[in-house]
């Protein structure tokens, strides 16, 4: 059983112990000494005084922060200007969207009107359209061959992007020539597969293939008989192949010259086909059926031109791979893939560019 003095000491410690936290303010020494009542009361007075001093010190801190009010006002003004700019940009965006919707609505009405005129002509007994009703660019049926080609080509573009990344990584880490050769052969086969796909698409609808609607707008700007010019391939690839030996330079120059000659020959053949077809359609008809049959016979040559152009592209790729080393061919395929990727990216940027409305929006 504890004595009364012991209980008093315990009570005293229990009362004053929380004030030890005030030692960080410099009051720790105040609690040292005896436990007499007089000493305790002075201690409380001193602690209270120090607390008042501390409260005065704390109350001065907002005065220090108030010095940055000017900077805060500047930030607030800058934020307000930025919000105003955002609101103005949003307003212009809404106006452009409204104009675009109005343009779409106008186009839809024109298309509806054209379809009504075509239906009216059909009901009147006029032969509007060939057996697949494709006159005036309208078709009532879907060409399964073209649909297949579009799906295959979309997959082809995705696979090309993957191969570009693979070639870039392989050239950076300097893998062996044997491993790099496998990647090169896969890249060449990928282009050969595209030519096979296009051959099947030409059988389904050669005009679709020649028009280039399966490519992006910027790619169509360089479109030539269903694809790219072989000489364009050489111009895009050659700067990435340096240094070339004297023998390689001579062989690349000869390949470019022969490619240009073949391109000119095919272009002249296409122009001759257009002239003869126009003459056939413009001549005084002996009979409508015979005239159309003669025109269709001439159009059969169009598919042959597309196949010859793709054959020239494939031959150019094969010749380049024979002239160059494995590592140079890999760099050439990488440059060619990145060139086409930049063309597609440019098309996306061009389509997404901000444009003013064609007419004032009320």
Protein backbone atom coordinates (compact mmCIF):
# COMPACT_ATOMS: atom_id res chain seq x y z
CA UNK A 1 0.00 0.00 0.00
CA UNK A 2 1.49 3.35 -1.03
CA UNK A 3 1.98 6.17 1.42
CA UNK A 4 0.06 9.45 1.07
CA UNK A 5 3.24 11.23 -0.02
CA UNK A 6 3.73 8.76 -2.82
CA UNK A 7 0.16 9.32 -4.03
CA UNK A 8 0.70 13.07 -4.00
CA UNK A 9 3.84 12.77 -6.08
CA UNK A 10 2.03 10.61 -8.63
CA UNK A 11 -0.80 13.15 -8.84
CA UNK A 12 1.64 15.99 -9.34
CA UNK A 13 3.44 14.22 -12.20
CA UNK A 14 0.11 13.40 -13.79
CA UNK A 15 -0.87 17.08 -13.78
CA UNK A 16 2.38 18.57 -15.08
CA UNK A 17 3.49 15.85 -17.50
CA UNK A 18 1.56 17.19 -20.51
CA UNK A 19 3.37 20.51 -20.26
CA UNK A 20 6.64 18.81 -21.17
CA UNK A 21 5.49 19.23 -24.79
CA UNK A 22 6.12 22.96 -24.40
CA UNK A 23 9.86 22.31 -24.09
CA UNK A 24 10.26 22.99 -27.81
CA UNK A 25 9.32 26.63 -27.11
CA UNK A 26 12.14 26.88 -24.58
CA UNK A 27 10.02 26.20 -21.51
CA UNK A 28 11.62 22.88 -20.65
CA UNK A 29 13.88 24.35 -17.94
CA UNK A 30 10.90 25.78 -16.07
CA UNK A 31 9.77 22.34 -14.98
CA UNK A 32 13.03 21.47 -13.30
CA UNK A 33 13.39 21.84 -9.55
CA UNK A 34 11.36 21.03 -6.46
CA UNK A 35 7.61 20.42 -6.37
CA UNK A 36 6.62 23.05 -3.79
CA UNK A 37 3.26 24.81 -4.25
CA UNK A 38 4.89 28.25 -4.59
CA UNK A 39 7.27 26.98 -7.21
CA UNK A 40 4.40 25.37 -9.09
CA UNK A 41 2.35 28.57 -9.25
CA UNK A 42 5.27 30.58 -10.61
CA UNK A 43 5.83 27.88 -13.15
CA UNK A 44 2.27 28.16 -14.36
CA UNK A 45 2.63 31.93 -14.62
CA UNK A 46 5.85 31.58 -16.62
CA UNK A 47 4.31 29.00 -18.93
CA UNK A 48 1.27 31.22 -19.49
CA UNK A 49 3.57 34.12 -20.32
CA UNK A 50 5.52 32.06 -22.75
CA UNK A 51 2.29 30.86 -24.35
CA UNK A 52 1.21 34.45 -24.79
CA UNK A 53 4.55 35.25 -26.41
CA UNK A 54 4.17 32.25 -28.68
CA UNK A 55 0.67 33.34 -29.69
CA UNK A 56 2.10 36.73 -30.55
CA UNK A 57 4.78 35.09 -32.67
CA UNK A 58 2.24 32.95 -34.50
CA UNK A 59 -0.03 35.91 -35.13
CA UNK A 60 2.83 37.59 -36.99
CA UNK A 61 3.13 34.83 -39.61
CA UNK A 62 0.11 35.93 -41.70
CA UNK A 63 1.81 39.33 -41.96
CA UNK A 64 4.74 37.62 -43.70
CA UNK A 65 2.52 35.72 -46.13
CA UNK A 66 0.60 38.89 -46.97
CA UNK A 67 3.68 40.11 -48.79
CA UNK A 68 2.95 37.61 -51.59
CA UNK A 69 -0.57 38.95 -52.21
CA UNK A 70 0.68 40.85 -55.22
CA UNK A 71 2.11 37.67 -56.77
CA UNK A 72 -1.14 35.84 -56.00
CA UNK A 73 -3.10 38.60 -57.73
CA UNK A 74 -0.86 38.26 -60.77
CA UNK A 75 -1.45 34.51 -60.86
CA UNK A 76 -5.18 35.09 -60.49
CA UNK A 77 -5.18 37.57 -63.38
CA UNK A 78 -3.20 35.15 -65.54
CA UNK A 79 -5.66 32.37 -64.72
CA UNK A 80 -8.58 34.64 -65.60
CA UNK A 81 -7.01 35.49 -68.96
CA UNK A 82 -6.43 31.81 -69.63
CA UNK A 83 -10.02 30.97 -68.77
CA UNK A 84 -11.21 33.74 -71.07
CA UNK A 85 -9.06 32.36 -73.90
CA UNK A 86 -10.44 28.87 -73.29
CA UNK A 87 -14.00 30.18 -73.39
CA UNK A 88 -13.30 31.98 -76.68
CA UNK A 89 -11.71 28.88 -78.20
CA UNK A 90 -14.71 26.81 -77.08
CA UNK A 91 -17.08 29.34 -78.64
CA UNK A 92 -15.25 29.19 -81.98
CA UNK A 93 -15.21 25.41 -81.81
CA UNK A 94 -18.99 25.36 -81.30
CA UNK A 95 -19.43 27.66 -84.30
CA UNK A 96 -17.26 25.42 -86.49
CA UNK A 97 -19.16 22.36 -85.32
CA UNK A 98 -22.48 24.03 -86.09
CA UNK A 99 -21.29 24.97 -89.58
CA UNK A 100 -20.03 21.42 -90.15
CA UNK A 101 -23.38 19.94 -89.06
CA UNK A 102 -25.21 22.31 -91.39
CA UNK A 103 -22.91 21.28 -94.24
CA UNK A 104 -23.57 17.59 -93.53
CA UNK A 105 -27.29 18.22 -93.46
CA UNK A 106 -27.11 20.03 -96.81
CA UNK A 107 -25.11 17.18 -98.33
CA UNK A 108 -27.61 14.66 -96.99
CA UNK A 109 -30.49 16.56 -98.59
CA UNK A 110 -28.67 16.70 -101.93
CA UNK A 111 -27.96 12.97 -101.78
CA UNK A 112 -31.59 12.23 -100.94
CA UNK A 113 -32.71 14.36 -103.86
CA UNK A 114 -30.31 12.57 -106.22
CA UNK A 115 -31.54 9.16 -105.06
CA UNK A 116 -35.13 10.25 -105.65
CA UNK A 117 -34.26 11.35 -109.18
CA UNK A 118 -32.59 8.00 -109.87
CA UNK A 119 -35.63 6.09 -108.55
CA UNK A 120 -37.93 8.27 -110.65
CA UNK A 121 -35.87 7.54 -113.75
CA UNK A 122 -36.01 3.81 -113.05
CA UNK A 123 -39.79 3.92 -112.69
CA UNK A 124 -40.06 5.73 -116.02
CA UNK A 125 -38.40 2.79 -117.72
CA UNK A 126 -34.99 4.38 -118.43
CA UNK A 127 -31.96 2.12 -118.27
CA UNK A 128 -30.15 3.99 -115.53
CA UNK A 129 -27.23 1.78 -114.67
CA UNK A 130 -25.44 -1.28 -115.77
CA UNK A 131 -26.41 -4.72 -114.47
CA UNK A 132 -25.03 -3.73 -111.04
CA UNK A 133 -26.77 -0.29 -111.09
CA UNK A 134 -23.46 1.59 -110.75
CA UNK A 135 -24.18 4.60 -112.96
CA UNK A 136 -23.79 8.02 -111.34
CA UNK A 137 -21.46 6.46 -108.79
CA UNK A 138 -24.38 4.76 -107.02
CA UNK A 139 -24.44 1.06 -106.37
CA UNK A 140 -27.20 -1.04 -104.90
CA UNK A 141 -24.89 -3.98 -104.17
CA UNK A 142 -21.71 -4.41 -102.14
CA UNK A 143 -18.62 -5.76 -103.87
CA UNK A 144 -17.41 -8.57 -101.65
CA UNK A 145 -13.98 -8.55 -103.31
CA UNK A 146 -13.42 -4.89 -102.42
CA UNK A 147 -14.76 -5.38 -98.90
CA UNK A 148 -12.27 -8.21 -98.41
CA UNK A 149 -9.44 -6.07 -99.76
CA UNK A 150 -10.27 -3.16 -97.43
CA UNK A 151 -10.18 -5.44 -94.38
CA UNK A 152 -6.95 -7.08 -95.53
CA UNK A 153 -5.31 -3.74 -96.27
CA UNK A 154 -6.22 -2.35 -92.83
CA UNK A 155 -4.55 -5.41 -91.28
CA UNK A 156 -1.59 -4.94 -93.64
CA UNK A 157 -1.02 -1.37 -92.41
CA UNK A 158 -1.12 -2.51 -88.78
CA UNK A 159 1.37 -5.28 -89.50
CA UNK A 160 3.66 -2.82 -91.30
CA UNK A 161 3.70 -0.56 -88.22
CA UNK A 162 4.69 -3.53 -86.08
CA UNK A 163 7.47 -4.50 -88.48
CA UNK A 164 8.80 -0.93 -88.54
CA UNK A 165 9.16 -0.97 -84.75
CA UNK A 166 10.81 -4.39 -84.89
CA UNK A 167 13.34 -3.27 -87.52
CA UNK A 168 14.13 -0.07 -85.64
CA UNK A 169 14.81 -1.96 -82.41
CA UNK A 170 16.89 -4.57 -84.23
CA UNK A 171 19.12 -1.93 -85.82
CA UNK A 172 19.59 -0.16 -82.50
CA UNK A 173 20.69 -3.25 -80.56
CA UNK A 174 22.88 -4.55 -83.45
CA UNK A 175 21.59 -8.10 -83.73
CA UNK A 176 23.41 -10.65 -85.90
CA UNK A 177 23.10 -10.55 -89.71
CA UNK A 178 21.32 -13.92 -89.68
CA UNK A 179 18.60 -12.63 -87.35
CA UNK A 180 18.40 -9.37 -89.29
CA UNK A 181 18.06 -11.29 -92.56
CA UNK A 182 14.93 -12.99 -91.25
CA UNK A 183 13.36 -9.60 -90.50
CA UNK A 184 14.35 -8.32 -93.95
CA UNK A 185 12.79 -11.31 -95.73
CA UNK A 186 9.61 -10.87 -93.70
CA UNK A 187 9.48 -7.19 -94.67
CA UNK A 188 9.89 -7.96 -98.38
CA UNK A 189 7.27 -10.71 -98.23
CA UNK A 190 4.92 -8.23 -96.59
CA UNK A 191 5.08 -5.97 -99.66
CA UNK A 192 4.75 -8.97 -102.01
CA UNK A 193 1.60 -9.93 -100.11
CA UNK A 194 0.22 -6.43 -100.76
CA UNK A 195 0.74 -6.88 -104.50
CA UNK A 196 -1.13 -10.20 -104.36
CA UNK A 197 -4.02 -8.54 -102.51
CA UNK A 198 -4.16 -5.78 -105.10
CA UNK A 199 -4.22 -8.30 -107.95
CA UNK A 200 -7.35 -9.86 -106.46
CA UNK A 201 -8.89 -6.43 -105.88
CA UNK A 202 -8.23 -5.46 -109.52
CA UNK A 203 -10.28 -8.45 -110.63
CA UNK A 204 -13.13 -7.29 -108.39
CA UNK A 205 -13.05 -3.58 -109.37
CA UNK A 206 -10.01 -2.17 -111.13
CA UNK A 207 -11.40 1.39 -111.06
CA UNK A 208 -11.57 1.28 -107.27
CA UNK A 209 -7.91 0.26 -107.14
CA UNK A 210 -6.75 2.91 -109.61
CA UNK A 211 -8.72 5.67 -107.89
CA UNK A 212 -6.71 5.15 -104.70
CA UNK A 213 -9.70 5.59 -102.40
CA UNK A 214 -8.25 2.84 -100.22
CA UNK A 215 -5.30 5.10 -99.41
CA UNK A 216 -5.12 8.33 -97.43
CA UNK A 217 -5.49 11.71 -99.11
CA UNK A 218 -1.76 12.54 -99.01
CA UNK A 219 -0.85 9.12 -100.37
CA UNK A 220 -3.30 9.66 -103.25
CA UNK A 221 -1.41 12.85 -104.08
CA UNK A 222 1.53 10.60 -105.13
CA UNK A 223 -0.70 7.85 -106.52
CA UNK A 224 0.38 6.22 -109.78
CA UNK A 225 -1.50 3.33 -111.42
CA UNK A 226 -2.73 1.81 -108.18
CA UNK A 227 0.27 2.52 -105.95
CA UNK A 228 3.60 4.28 -105.53
CA UNK A 229 6.15 4.94 -108.24
CA UNK A 230 9.26 2.72 -108.02
CA UNK A 231 11.43 5.79 -108.59
CA UNK A 232 9.71 7.37 -105.57
CA UNK A 233 10.77 4.34 -103.56
CA UNK A 234 14.40 4.87 -104.56
CA UNK A 235 14.31 8.59 -103.75
CA UNK A 236 12.90 7.92 -100.28
CA UNK A 237 15.31 5.09 -99.45
CA UNK A 238 18.68 6.06 -100.96
CA UNK A 239 19.64 8.82 -98.44
CA UNK A 240 19.34 6.26 -95.63
CA UNK A 241 21.69 3.77 -97.31
CA UNK A 242 24.92 5.75 -97.22
CA UNK A 243 27.73 5.02 -97.43
CA UNK A 244 27.44 3.05 -100.68
CA UNK A 245 30.34 1.59 -102.62
CA UNK A 246 31.10 2.77 -106.14
CA UNK A 247 29.66 -0.45 -107.52
CA UNK A 248 26.46 -0.03 -105.48
CA UNK A 249 26.08 3.60 -106.59
CA UNK A 250 26.33 2.54 -110.24
CA UNK A 251 23.82 -0.28 -109.83
CA UNK A 252 21.34 1.94 -107.97
CA UNK A 253 21.66 4.59 -110.70
CA UNK A 254 21.01 1.99 -113.42
CA UNK A 255 18.02 0.66 -111.48
CA UNK A 256 16.57 4.17 -111.16
CA UNK A 257 17.00 4.79 -114.89
CA UNK A 258 15.34 1.53 -115.89
CA UNK A 259 12.49 2.16 -113.43
CA UNK A 260 11.87 5.62 -114.89
CA UNK A 261 11.81 4.20 -118.42
CA UNK A 262 9.30 1.52 -117.41
CA UNK A 263 7.15 4.12 -115.61
CA UNK A 264 7.12 6.32 -118.71
CA UNK A 265 6.14 3.37 -120.90
CA UNK A 266 3.24 2.41 -118.62
CA UNK A 267 2.08 6.04 -118.33
CA UNK A 268 2.07 6.42 -122.10
CA UNK A 269 0.13 3.18 -122.40
CA UNK A 270 -2.48 4.49 -119.95
CA UNK A 271 -2.79 7.74 -121.91
CA UNK A 272 -3.22 5.79 -125.16
CA UNK A 273 -5.93 3.67 -123.53
CA UNK A 274 -7.79 6.79 -122.39
CA UNK A 275 -7.62 8.27 -125.89
CA UNK A 276 -8.89 5.16 -127.65
CA UNK A 277 -11.67 4.71 -125.08
CA UNK A 278 -12.76 8.32 -125.51
CA UNK A 279 -12.73 7.94 -129.29
CA UNK A 280 -14.81 4.78 -129.06
CA UNK A 281 -17.45 6.47 -126.93
CA UNK A 282 -17.44 9.67 -129.01
CA UNK A 283 -17.73 7.91 -132.40
CA UNK A 284 -21.12 7.83 -134.15
CA UNK A 285 -22.61 4.58 -132.87
CA UNK A 286 -23.54 1.86 -135.31
CA UNK A 287 -25.41 0.35 -132.39
CA UNK A 288 -25.40 1.05 -128.67
CA UNK A 289 -24.67 -2.52 -127.68
CA UNK A 290 -21.78 -2.93 -130.09
CA UNK A 291 -20.30 0.39 -129.03
CA UNK A 292 -20.45 -0.54 -125.33
CA UNK A 293 -19.00 -3.99 -126.06
CA UNK A 294 -16.02 -2.39 -127.83
CA UNK A 295 -15.48 -0.02 -124.88
CA UNK A 296 -15.60 -2.87 -122.38
CA UNK A 297 -13.03 -4.82 -124.40
CA UNK A 298 -10.65 -1.86 -124.21
CA UNK A 299 -11.19 -1.52 -120.45
CA UNK A 300 -10.01 -5.10 -119.97
CA UNK A 301 -6.50 -3.79 -120.59
CA UNK A 302 -6.76 -1.60 -117.49
CA UNK A 303 -6.33 -4.55 -115.16
CA UNK A 304 -3.20 -5.54 -117.04
CA UNK A 305 -1.70 -2.07 -116.53
CA UNK A 306 -2.25 -2.27 -112.76
CA UNK A 307 -0.64 -5.72 -112.59
CA UNK A 308 2.34 -4.55 -114.66
CA UNK A 309 2.83 -1.53 -112.38
CA UNK A 310 2.80 -3.77 -109.29
CA UNK A 311 5.21 -6.15 -111.01
CA UNK A 312 7.57 -3.21 -111.57
CA UNK A 313 7.32 -2.25 -107.90
CA UNK A 314 8.10 -5.80 -106.81
CA UNK A 315 11.05 -6.07 -109.21
CA UNK A 316 12.48 -2.80 -107.88
CA UNK A 317 12.29 -4.07 -104.30
CA UNK A 318 13.94 -7.36 -105.26
CA UNK A 319 16.73 -5.62 -107.18
CA UNK A 320 17.43 -3.28 -104.27
CA UNK A 321 17.72 -6.21 -101.87
CA UNK A 322 20.26 -7.85 -104.23
CA UNK A 323 22.37 -4.69 -104.58
CA UNK A 324 22.48 -3.86 -100.86
CA UNK A 325 23.84 -5.68 -97.84
CA UNK A 326 21.46 -7.16 -95.30
CA UNK A 327 21.91 -4.24 -92.91
CA UNK A 328 21.48 -1.69 -95.70
CA UNK A 329 18.32 -3.43 -96.89
CA UNK A 330 16.96 -3.34 -93.35
CA UNK A 331 17.63 0.41 -93.18
CA UNK A 332 15.98 0.82 -96.57
CA UNK A 333 12.82 -1.04 -95.51
CA UNK A 334 12.72 1.01 -92.31
CA UNK A 335 13.04 4.26 -94.28
CA UNK A 336 10.32 3.20 -96.73
CA UNK A 337 7.93 2.21 -93.94
CA UNK A 338 8.53 5.45 -92.05
CA UNK A 339 8.01 7.43 -95.27
CA UNK A 340 4.54 5.92 -95.80
CA UNK A 341 3.77 6.35 -92.09
CA UNK A 342 4.57 10.07 -92.33
CA UNK A 343 2.33 10.38 -95.38
CA UNK A 344 -0.56 8.85 -93.45
CA UNK A 345 0.15 11.05 -90.42
CA UNK A 346 0.18 14.14 -92.67
CA UNK A 347 -3.24 13.15 -94.00
CA UNK A 348 -4.61 12.96 -90.46
CA UNK A 349 -3.17 16.36 -89.57
CA UNK A 350 -4.54 17.89 -92.75
CA UNK A 351 -8.02 16.50 -92.10
CA UNK A 352 -7.98 17.72 -88.48
CA UNK A 353 -6.70 21.23 -89.23
CA UNK A 354 -8.86 24.11 -87.94
CA UNK A 355 -10.94 25.66 -90.71
CA UNK A 356 -13.13 28.72 -90.81
CA UNK A 357 -16.76 28.11 -91.80
CA UNK A 358 -17.52 28.56 -95.48
CA UNK A 359 -20.33 30.99 -94.69
CA UNK A 360 -21.23 33.20 -91.73
CA UNK A 361 -23.02 31.37 -88.93
CA UNK A 362 -25.98 33.22 -87.44
